[in-house]
Amino acid sequence: MPSKRAMETSPFSAMDVLERASEREGVVHMEVGEPDIEPPAAATEAAIASLREGNLDYTSSRGKPELRKSIADYYDRTYGVDVPPERIIVTPGSSPALLVTMLTTVNPGEEVVLTDPYYAPYPNFVRQADGRVSTVTLDPGRDFEPRVEDFEAQVTDETAAMMLNSPANPTGAVMSGDTIAELVHLAERTGTRVISDEIYHGLAYDAPEHSVLEYTDEAFVLDGVSKRYGMTGWRLGWVVAPPDEVEAFNRLVQNVLICAPNFVQDGARAAIETEPSWLDDARETYRERRDLLLDAARRWGIDMGYTPAGAYYLLLDVSDLPGDAFEVADVFLEEANVAMTPGPDFGSMAEDTLRASYATSTEDIELAIDRLDDLLSEFTAETHLSRS
């Protein structure tokens, strides 16, 4: 019989929708954050060269020294912060890094404060550490910017950590530097750990990005090559740990993760060392796709009145359509061949939404818009007929 922990872990609807959508022909996939940009050529070449050189054995659980030095250099040139390589531990993806972070910081019964909406697996990661979830609700009217006073109301003596995510999944919101600084100050005053998921850094186009590391060394910061470099399947992430928790974190990595793949680390290093201007075209492409989708959402009357400033997600308000969010997602898939993720996975504030990813190609987004134009116009016509 499965354990209670396994049974209480909720499915990730984005992956459920992907499974169903993959069984159909001609689907436009907007359910998962799968960037269509190619990885930097240097990354692929470096990984192939590493394979040919026979780099197939274990590395240190912390990761190759050369990669960790490249990551430290990235923080220096991007944010002007000095992060010693000794505080960087490489992991096979940023999700395992987050799981180990929760196991490192949360004692049974302690609380982790999340913003709502949140990335769907966050509560499950907290539960794996036998922790409890508390939430701070975000308002689309404020572009989903957290209010520090709301965090203050949630932080108690039983709070182990507050979880930040900017640019955010599922909203695409980017937190201001002032807000991050105030939240760090709150954490310092209350003895609360900050965990910052920065996997979408590099993909902000309407607001400046700030790493939590600009404001404190006493935070766990997670990142990786999946999103900004288009390397999701490479499964390479890392965590920057507070100085006094590096060893505890690494002990868990040694037992739970062993190490990230050897040759993938070499490819990741090449990606990180790629000229930052490589991302300029990608950011502009995402901005254009966002605007296409946002214009359509406004025409359909299902936009939430905000504009994502980063990442590549848009929440759509489907509360006026018949059925709940799961049923609307089913209709979009079955009748329009457009796959989107039902919002309830992302918290109570996303209960009546769908999450649409515009990481897919511009052509596919235009096709999805055409299909939904037809579907939603049929719904509007039927609604008018039923009322007349």
Protein backbone atom coordinates (compact mmCIF):
# COMPACT_ATOMS: atom_id res chain seq x y z
CA MET A 1 0.00 0.00 0.00
CA PRO A 2 1.44 3.44 -0.89
CA SER A 3 2.65 5.63 1.96
CA LYS A 4 0.54 8.47 3.32
CA ARG A 5 3.16 10.86 1.96
CA ALA A 6 2.73 9.46 -1.55
CA MET A 7 -1.06 9.47 -1.36
CA GLU A 8 -1.15 13.08 -0.14
CA THR A 9 1.02 14.25 -3.03
CA SER A 10 -1.33 15.82 -5.55
CA PRO A 11 -0.84 15.21 -9.28
CA PHE A 12 0.65 18.01 -11.37
CA SER A 13 -2.14 18.89 -13.80
CA ALA A 14 0.24 20.35 -16.39
CA MET A 15 1.80 16.92 -16.82
CA ASP A 16 -1.59 15.21 -16.81
CA VAL A 17 -2.76 17.52 -19.60
CA LEU A 18 0.49 16.92 -21.49
CA GLU A 19 -0.07 13.15 -21.33
CA ARG A 20 -3.58 13.48 -22.74
CA ALA A 21 -2.58 16.06 -25.33
CA SER A 22 0.31 13.88 -26.52
CA GLU A 23 -2.19 11.20 -27.54
CA ARG A 24 -3.82 13.59 -30.02
CA GLU A 25 -2.65 14.87 -33.40
CA GLY A 26 -2.10 18.55 -34.14
CA VAL A 27 -2.36 19.87 -30.58
CA VAL A 28 -0.96 23.31 -29.75
CA HIS A 29 0.91 22.73 -26.49
CA MET A 30 0.48 25.68 -24.13
CA GLU A 31 0.23 23.55 -20.98
CA VAL A 32 3.92 23.22 -20.11
CA GLY A 33 6.79 25.69 -19.94
CA GLU A 34 8.81 24.10 -22.73
CA PRO A 35 10.84 26.80 -24.51
CA ASP A 36 11.16 26.34 -28.27
CA ILE A 37 14.50 28.18 -28.42
CA GLU A 38 17.55 26.06 -29.20
CA PRO A 39 20.28 25.83 -26.53
CA PRO A 40 23.43 27.80 -27.27
CA ALA A 41 25.44 25.84 -29.85
CA ALA A 42 28.44 25.97 -27.53
CA ALA A 43 26.50 24.00 -24.90
CA THR A 44 25.65 21.15 -27.25
CA GLU A 45 29.18 21.05 -28.64
CA ALA A 46 30.71 21.00 -25.16
CA ALA A 47 28.43 18.17 -24.00
CA ILE A 48 29.24 16.08 -27.09
CA ALA A 49 32.96 16.71 -26.68
CA SER A 50 32.72 15.72 -23.02
CA LEU A 51 30.97 12.46 -23.95
CA ARG A 52 33.64 11.68 -26.52
CA GLU A 53 36.29 12.33 -23.91
CA GLY A 54 34.65 9.65 -21.75
CA ASN A 55 33.31 11.89 -18.98
CA LEU A 56 30.72 9.38 -17.81
CA ASP A 57 31.77 8.80 -14.22
CA TYR A 58 30.60 10.41 -10.98
CA THR A 59 31.65 13.91 -10.10
CA SER A 60 31.75 15.47 -6.67
CA SER A 61 28.24 15.80 -5.22
CA ARG A 62 28.88 19.56 -5.18
CA GLY A 63 29.48 19.64 -8.93
CA LYS A 64 32.56 20.20 -11.05
CA PRO A 65 34.75 23.05 -9.74
CA GLU A 66 34.91 24.65 -13.21
CA LEU A 67 31.11 24.79 -13.45
CA ARG A 68 30.73 26.20 -9.95
CA LYS A 69 33.29 28.89 -10.79
CA SER A 70 31.32 29.78 -13.94
CA ILE A 71 28.13 30.08 -11.89
CA ALA A 72 29.91 32.33 -9.39
CA ASP A 73 31.14 34.50 -12.28
CA TYR A 74 27.55 34.67 -13.61
CA TYR A 75 26.34 36.18 -10.32
CA ASP A 76 29.21 38.66 -10.33
CA ARG A 77 28.63 39.98 -13.85
CA THR A 78 24.81 39.85 -13.68
CA TYR A 79 24.08 41.18 -10.19
CA GLY A 80 27.42 42.47 -8.96
CA VAL A 81 27.46 40.05 -6.03
CA ASP A 82 30.33 37.92 -4.76
CA VAL A 83 29.21 34.31 -4.35
CA PRO A 84 32.07 31.96 -3.42
CA PRO A 85 31.96 28.71 -5.44
CA GLU A 86 32.03 26.87 -2.11
CA ARG A 87 28.40 27.97 -1.52
CA ILE A 88 27.21 26.58 -4.86
CA ILE A 89 26.00 23.00 -5.14
CA VAL A 90 25.03 21.61 -8.56
CA THR A 91 21.97 19.35 -8.81
CA PRO A 92 20.24 17.27 -11.51
CA GLY A 93 17.58 19.95 -12.09
CA SER A 94 16.26 22.75 -9.89
CA SER A 95 13.27 20.71 -8.64
CA PRO A 96 15.51 18.26 -6.74
CA ALA A 97 17.37 21.29 -5.42
CA LEU A 98 14.12 22.65 -4.03
CA LEU A 99 13.23 19.31 -2.43
CA VAL A 100 16.62 19.14 -0.70
CA THR A 101 16.25 22.78 0.36
CA MET A 102 12.96 21.97 2.07
CA LEU A 103 14.50 18.94 3.76
CA THR A 104 17.37 21.15 4.94
CA THR A 105 15.29 24.03 6.32
CA VAL A 106 11.94 22.64 7.49
CA ASN A 107 11.34 20.59 10.64
CA PRO A 108 8.16 18.49 10.96
CA GLY A 109 5.19 20.73 11.71
CA GLU A 110 6.92 23.95 10.74
CA GLU A 111 5.40 26.35 8.25
CA VAL A 112 6.49 27.63 4.85
CA VAL A 113 4.80 30.79 3.58
CA LEU A 114 4.00 30.74 -0.15
CA THR A 115 2.49 33.40 -2.34
CA ASP A 116 -0.85 32.45 -3.91
CA PRO A 117 -0.84 31.86 -6.90
CA TYR A 118 2.22 29.62 -6.59
CA TYR A 119 4.05 27.06 -8.73
CA ALA A 120 1.95 23.92 -8.36
CA PRO A 121 4.57 21.53 -6.87
CA TYR A 122 5.63 23.96 -4.08
CA PRO A 123 3.09 22.69 -1.49
CA ASN A 124 4.05 19.10 -2.26
CA PHE A 125 7.71 19.88 -1.63
CA VAL A 126 6.77 21.38 1.74
CA ARG A 127 4.73 18.29 2.62
CA GLN A 128 7.63 15.97 1.74
CA ALA A 129 9.49 17.67 4.60
CA ASP A 130 6.44 17.18 6.86
CA GLY A 131 5.91 20.92 6.85
CA ARG A 132 2.71 22.98 6.65
CA VAL A 133 1.73 25.52 4.02
CA SER A 134 0.60 29.07 4.72
CA THR A 135 -0.20 31.49 1.91
CA VAL A 136 -0.16 35.19 1.08
CA THR A 137 -2.71 36.09 -1.58
CA LEU A 138 -1.61 38.18 -4.55
CA ASP A 139 -3.79 40.64 -6.43
CA PRO A 140 -3.69 40.88 -10.26
CA GLY A 141 -4.68 44.52 -9.81
CA ARG A 142 -1.23 45.03 -8.27
CA ASP A 143 0.42 42.95 -11.02
CA PHE A 144 0.72 40.14 -8.44
CA GLU A 145 3.29 42.11 -6.43
CA PRO A 146 3.37 40.84 -2.82
CA ARG A 147 2.60 43.20 0.05
CA VAL A 148 5.12 42.99 2.86
CA GLU A 149 2.41 43.54 5.49
CA ASP A 150 0.65 40.40 4.26
CA PHE A 151 3.82 38.40 4.84
CA GLU A 152 4.15 39.98 8.29
CA ALA A 153 0.64 38.76 9.14
CA GLN A 154 1.53 35.18 8.17
CA VAL A 155 5.00 34.81 9.70
CA THR A 156 4.87 33.24 13.18
CA ASP A 157 7.22 31.47 15.56
CA GLU A 158 6.42 28.27 13.66
CA THR A 159 7.47 29.69 10.29
CA ALA A 160 10.63 28.08 8.92
CA ALA A 161 10.82 29.87 5.58
CA MET A 162 9.16 32.15 3.07
CA MET A 163 9.20 31.10 -0.57
CA LEU A 164 9.73 33.73 -3.27
CA ASN A 165 9.53 33.26 -7.04
CA SER A 166 10.39 36.03 -9.50
CA PRO A 167 9.89 36.04 -12.44
CA ALA A 168 6.97 33.95 -11.33
CA ASN A 169 5.23 30.82 -12.48
CA PRO A 170 2.24 30.91 -13.16
CA THR A 171 1.74 34.70 -13.31
CA GLY A 172 4.85 36.01 -15.06
CA ALA A 173 5.14 38.71 -12.37
CA VAL A 174 8.51 40.27 -11.54
CA MET A 175 9.09 41.49 -7.98
CA SER A 176 10.62 44.92 -7.44
CA GLY A 177 13.95 45.29 -5.69
CA ASP A 178 12.30 47.33 -2.93
CA THR A 179 9.83 44.54 -2.17
CA ILE A 180 12.57 41.90 -2.08
CA ALA A 181 14.68 44.10 0.22
CA GLU A 182 11.74 44.59 2.62
CA LEU A 183 10.97 40.87 2.68
CA VAL A 184 14.62 40.08 3.41
CA HIS A 185 14.51 42.59 6.26
CA LEU A 186 11.35 40.92 7.61
CA ALA A 187 13.07 37.54 7.43
CA GLU A 188 16.07 38.87 9.34
CA ARG A 189 13.84 40.37 12.06
CA THR A 190 11.84 37.18 12.53
CA GLY A 191 14.56 34.56 12.04
CA THR A 192 12.83 33.23 8.94
CA ARG A 193 14.75 31.63 6.10
CA VAL A 194 14.26 32.99 2.56
CA ILE A 195 14.05 30.50 -0.31
CA SER A 196 14.15 32.17 -3.72
CA ASP A 197 13.29 30.31 -6.93
CA GLU A 198 15.07 32.26 -9.68
CA ILE A 199 14.82 29.71 -12.49
CA TYR A 200 13.21 32.28 -14.85
CA HIS A 201 15.90 34.90 -14.36
CA GLY A 202 17.12 36.20 -17.70
CA LEU A 203 13.55 36.16 -19.02
CA ALA A 204 12.24 39.53 -17.83
CA TYR A 205 11.37 42.10 -20.47
CA ASP A 206 9.30 44.81 -18.80
CA ALA A 207 10.97 45.12 -15.39
CA PRO A 208 14.47 44.82 -13.93
CA GLU A 209 15.31 41.53 -12.23
CA HIS A 210 16.84 41.38 -8.78
CA SER A 211 18.36 38.34 -7.13
CA VAL A 212 17.80 37.88 -3.41
CA LEU A 213 21.59 37.54 -3.23
CA GLU A 214 21.82 41.31 -3.79
CA TYR A 215 20.27 41.78 -0.34
CA THR A 216 21.46 38.86 1.80
CA ASP A 217 23.81 35.89 2.01
CA GLU A 218 21.38 34.11 4.32
CA ALA A 219 19.08 32.69 1.66
CA PHE A 220 18.72 29.60 -0.45
CA VAL A 221 18.70 30.65 -4.11
CA LEU A 222 17.71 28.15 -6.81
CA ASP A 223 18.44 28.43 -10.51
CA GLY A 224 19.48 26.34 -13.49
CA VAL A 225 19.86 26.19 -17.26
CA SER A 226 16.38 24.87 -18.14
CA LYS A 227 14.45 28.02 -18.94
CA ARG A 228 16.67 30.84 -20.18
CA TYR A 229 18.95 28.51 -22.15
CA GLY A 230 16.22 26.22 -23.52
CA MET A 231 17.75 23.16 -21.81
CA THR A 232 14.82 21.64 -19.91
CA GLY A 233 15.67 18.01 -20.67
CA TRP A 234 19.30 18.43 -19.65
CA ARG A 235 18.21 18.51 -15.98
CA LEU A 236 20.88 20.77 -14.58
CA GLY A 237 20.25 23.13 -11.69
CA TRP A 238 22.01 24.51 -8.67
CA VAL A 239 21.47 26.08 -5.27
CA VAL A 240 23.40 28.85 -3.56
CA ALA A 241 23.20 27.96 0.13
CA PRO A 242 23.78 30.17 3.18
CA PRO A 243 27.36 29.77 4.44
CA ASP A 244 26.36 27.89 7.60
CA GLU A 245 24.07 25.42 5.80
CA VAL A 246 26.22 24.33 2.87
CA GLU A 247 27.51 21.20 4.58
CA ALA A 248 24.07 20.04 5.76
CA PHE A 249 22.65 20.60 2.27
CA ASN A 250 25.52 18.68 0.67
CA ARG A 251 25.08 15.71 3.02
CA LEU A 252 21.53 15.34 1.76
CA VAL A 253 22.66 15.70 -1.86
CA GLN A 254 25.25 12.97 -1.35
CA ASN A 255 22.55 10.58 -0.18
CA VAL A 256 19.54 11.61 -2.26
CA LEU A 257 20.95 12.89 -5.56
CA ILE A 258 24.60 11.68 -5.69
CA CYS A 259 25.58 14.18 -8.40
CA ALA A 260 24.48 15.79 -11.64
CA PRO A 261 25.53 14.02 -14.88
CA ASN A 262 29.18 14.64 -15.68
CA PHE A 263 28.97 15.62 -19.37
CA VAL A 264 25.81 17.69 -18.81
CA GLN A 265 27.77 19.83 -16.36
CA ASP A 266 30.23 20.63 -19.14
CA GLY A 267 27.40 21.63 -21.48
CA ALA A 268 25.83 23.79 -18.79
CA ARG A 269 29.14 25.53 -18.16
CA ALA A 270 29.38 26.44 -21.86
CA ALA A 271 25.81 27.80 -21.81
CA ILE A 272 26.46 29.96 -18.76
CA GLU A 273 29.62 31.33 -20.33
CA THR A 274 27.77 32.27 -23.54
CA GLU A 275 27.63 35.99 -24.27
CA PRO A 276 24.54 37.36 -22.41
CA SER A 277 23.36 39.17 -25.55
CA TRP A 278 22.42 35.70 -26.86
CA LEU A 279 19.20 36.08 -24.87
CA ASP A 280 18.17 39.42 -26.35
CA ASP A 281 16.38 37.88 -29.34
CA ALA A 282 14.67 35.29 -27.15
CA ARG A 283 13.32 37.95 -24.79
CA GLU A 284 11.99 40.03 -27.67
CA THR A 285 10.32 36.94 -29.17
CA TYR A 286 8.63 36.13 -25.85
CA ARG A 287 7.45 39.73 -25.54
CA GLU A 288 5.85 39.57 -29.01
CA ARG A 289 4.16 36.26 -28.19
CA ARG A 290 2.87 37.62 -24.90
CA ASP A 291 1.36 40.62 -26.65
CA LEU A 292 -0.32 38.38 -29.24
CA LEU A 293 -1.89 36.22 -26.56
CA LEU A 294 -2.79 39.15 -24.30
CA ASP A 295 -4.55 40.98 -27.14
CA ALA A 296 -6.57 37.85 -27.87
CA ALA A 297 -7.44 37.34 -24.19
CA ARG A 298 -8.73 40.90 -23.99
CA ARG A 299 -10.81 40.36 -27.10
CA TRP A 300 -12.25 37.17 -25.59
CA GLY A 301 -12.96 38.94 -22.30
CA ILE A 302 -10.89 36.51 -20.20
CA ASP A 303 -7.81 38.60 -19.36
CA MET A 304 -7.12 39.41 -15.71
CA GLY A 305 -6.13 43.04 -16.20
CA TYR A 306 -2.39 42.57 -15.78
CA THR A 307 0.58 42.20 -18.09
CA PRO A 308 3.26 39.56 -17.35
CA ALA A 309 6.65 41.24 -17.08
CA GLY A 310 8.71 38.05 -17.32
CA ALA A 311 8.80 34.26 -17.74
CA TYR A 312 6.33 33.04 -20.38
CA TYR A 313 2.99 32.44 -18.69
CA LEU A 314 -0.36 34.23 -18.67
CA LEU A 315 -3.27 33.45 -16.36
CA LEU A 316 -6.66 33.61 -18.07
CA ASP A 317 -9.91 34.22 -16.17
CA VAL A 318 -12.42 31.63 -17.40
CA SER A 319 -14.98 32.13 -14.61
CA ASP A 320 -17.61 33.38 -17.09
CA LEU A 321 -17.32 30.28 -19.28
CA PRO A 322 -19.51 27.25 -18.53
CA GLY A 323 -17.99 24.72 -16.16
CA ASP A 324 -15.02 24.88 -13.83
CA ALA A 325 -11.43 25.39 -14.95
CA PHE A 326 -10.85 21.67 -15.50
CA GLU A 327 -13.93 21.45 -17.69
CA VAL A 328 -12.93 24.53 -19.69
CA ALA A 329 -9.46 23.05 -20.22
CA ASP A 330 -11.11 19.84 -21.43
CA VAL A 331 -13.25 21.78 -23.92
CA PHE A 332 -10.23 23.72 -25.21
CA LEU A 333 -8.36 20.45 -25.74
CA GLU A 334 -11.19 18.32 -27.10
CA GLU A 335 -12.85 20.91 -29.34
CA ALA A 336 -10.02 23.28 -30.28
CA ASN A 337 -6.93 21.06 -29.89
CA VAL A 338 -5.37 23.66 -27.61
CA ALA A 339 -3.80 22.40 -24.37
CA MET A 340 -3.69 24.68 -21.30
CA THR A 341 -3.28 23.91 -17.60
CA PRO A 342 -6.24 24.24 -15.18
CA GLY A 343 -5.51 26.92 -12.61
CA PRO A 344 -6.60 25.24 -9.34
CA ASP A 345 -3.18 23.56 -9.19
CA PHE A 346 -1.67 27.00 -8.62
CA GLY A 347 -3.66 27.99 -5.54
CA SER A 348 -7.02 29.41 -4.53
CA MET A 349 -6.36 32.70 -6.32
CA ALA A 350 -6.05 30.79 -9.59
CA GLU A 351 -9.13 28.61 -9.01
CA ASP A 352 -11.06 30.05 -11.98
CA THR A 353 -8.16 30.36 -14.39
CA LEU A 354 -6.18 28.55 -17.02
CA ARG A 355 -2.43 28.96 -17.33
CA ALA A 356 -1.29 29.51 -20.90
CA SER A 357 2.38 29.17 -21.77
CA TYR A 358 3.66 31.23 -24.68
CA ALA A 359 6.98 29.41 -24.77
CA THR A 360 5.78 27.58 -27.87
CA SER A 361 6.34 28.94 -31.39
CA THR A 362 4.69 32.13 -32.63
CA GLU A 363 3.04 30.12 -35.42
CA ASP A 364 1.48 27.75 -32.89
CA ILE A 365 0.24 30.64 -30.75
CA GLU A 366 -1.39 32.22 -33.82
CA LEU A 367 -2.98 28.85 -34.64
CA ALA A 368 -4.27 28.50 -31.06
CA ILE A 369 -5.75 32.00 -31.21
CA ASP A 370 -7.52 31.21 -34.49
CA ARG A 371 -8.95 27.99 -33.06
CA LEU A 372 -10.12 29.66 -29.85
CA ASP A 373 -11.56 32.57 -31.82
CA ASP A 374 -13.83 30.04 -33.53
CA LEU A 375 -14.63 28.08 -30.38
CA LEU A 376 -15.41 31.11 -28.22
CA SER A 377 -17.45 32.81 -30.93
CA GLU A 378 -19.57 29.65 -31.13
CA PHE A 379 -20.02 29.77 -27.35
CA THR A 380 -21.03 33.44 -27.52
CA ALA A 381 -23.55 32.73 -30.27
CA GLU A 382 -25.05 29.81 -28.34
CA THR A 383 -25.27 31.95 -25.20
CA HIS A 384 -27.14 34.70 -27.06
CA LEU A 385 -29.51 32.13 -28.59
CA SER A 386 -30.27 30.54 -25.23
CA ARG A 387 -31.12 33.98 -23.77
CA SER A 388 -33.34 35.11 -26.64
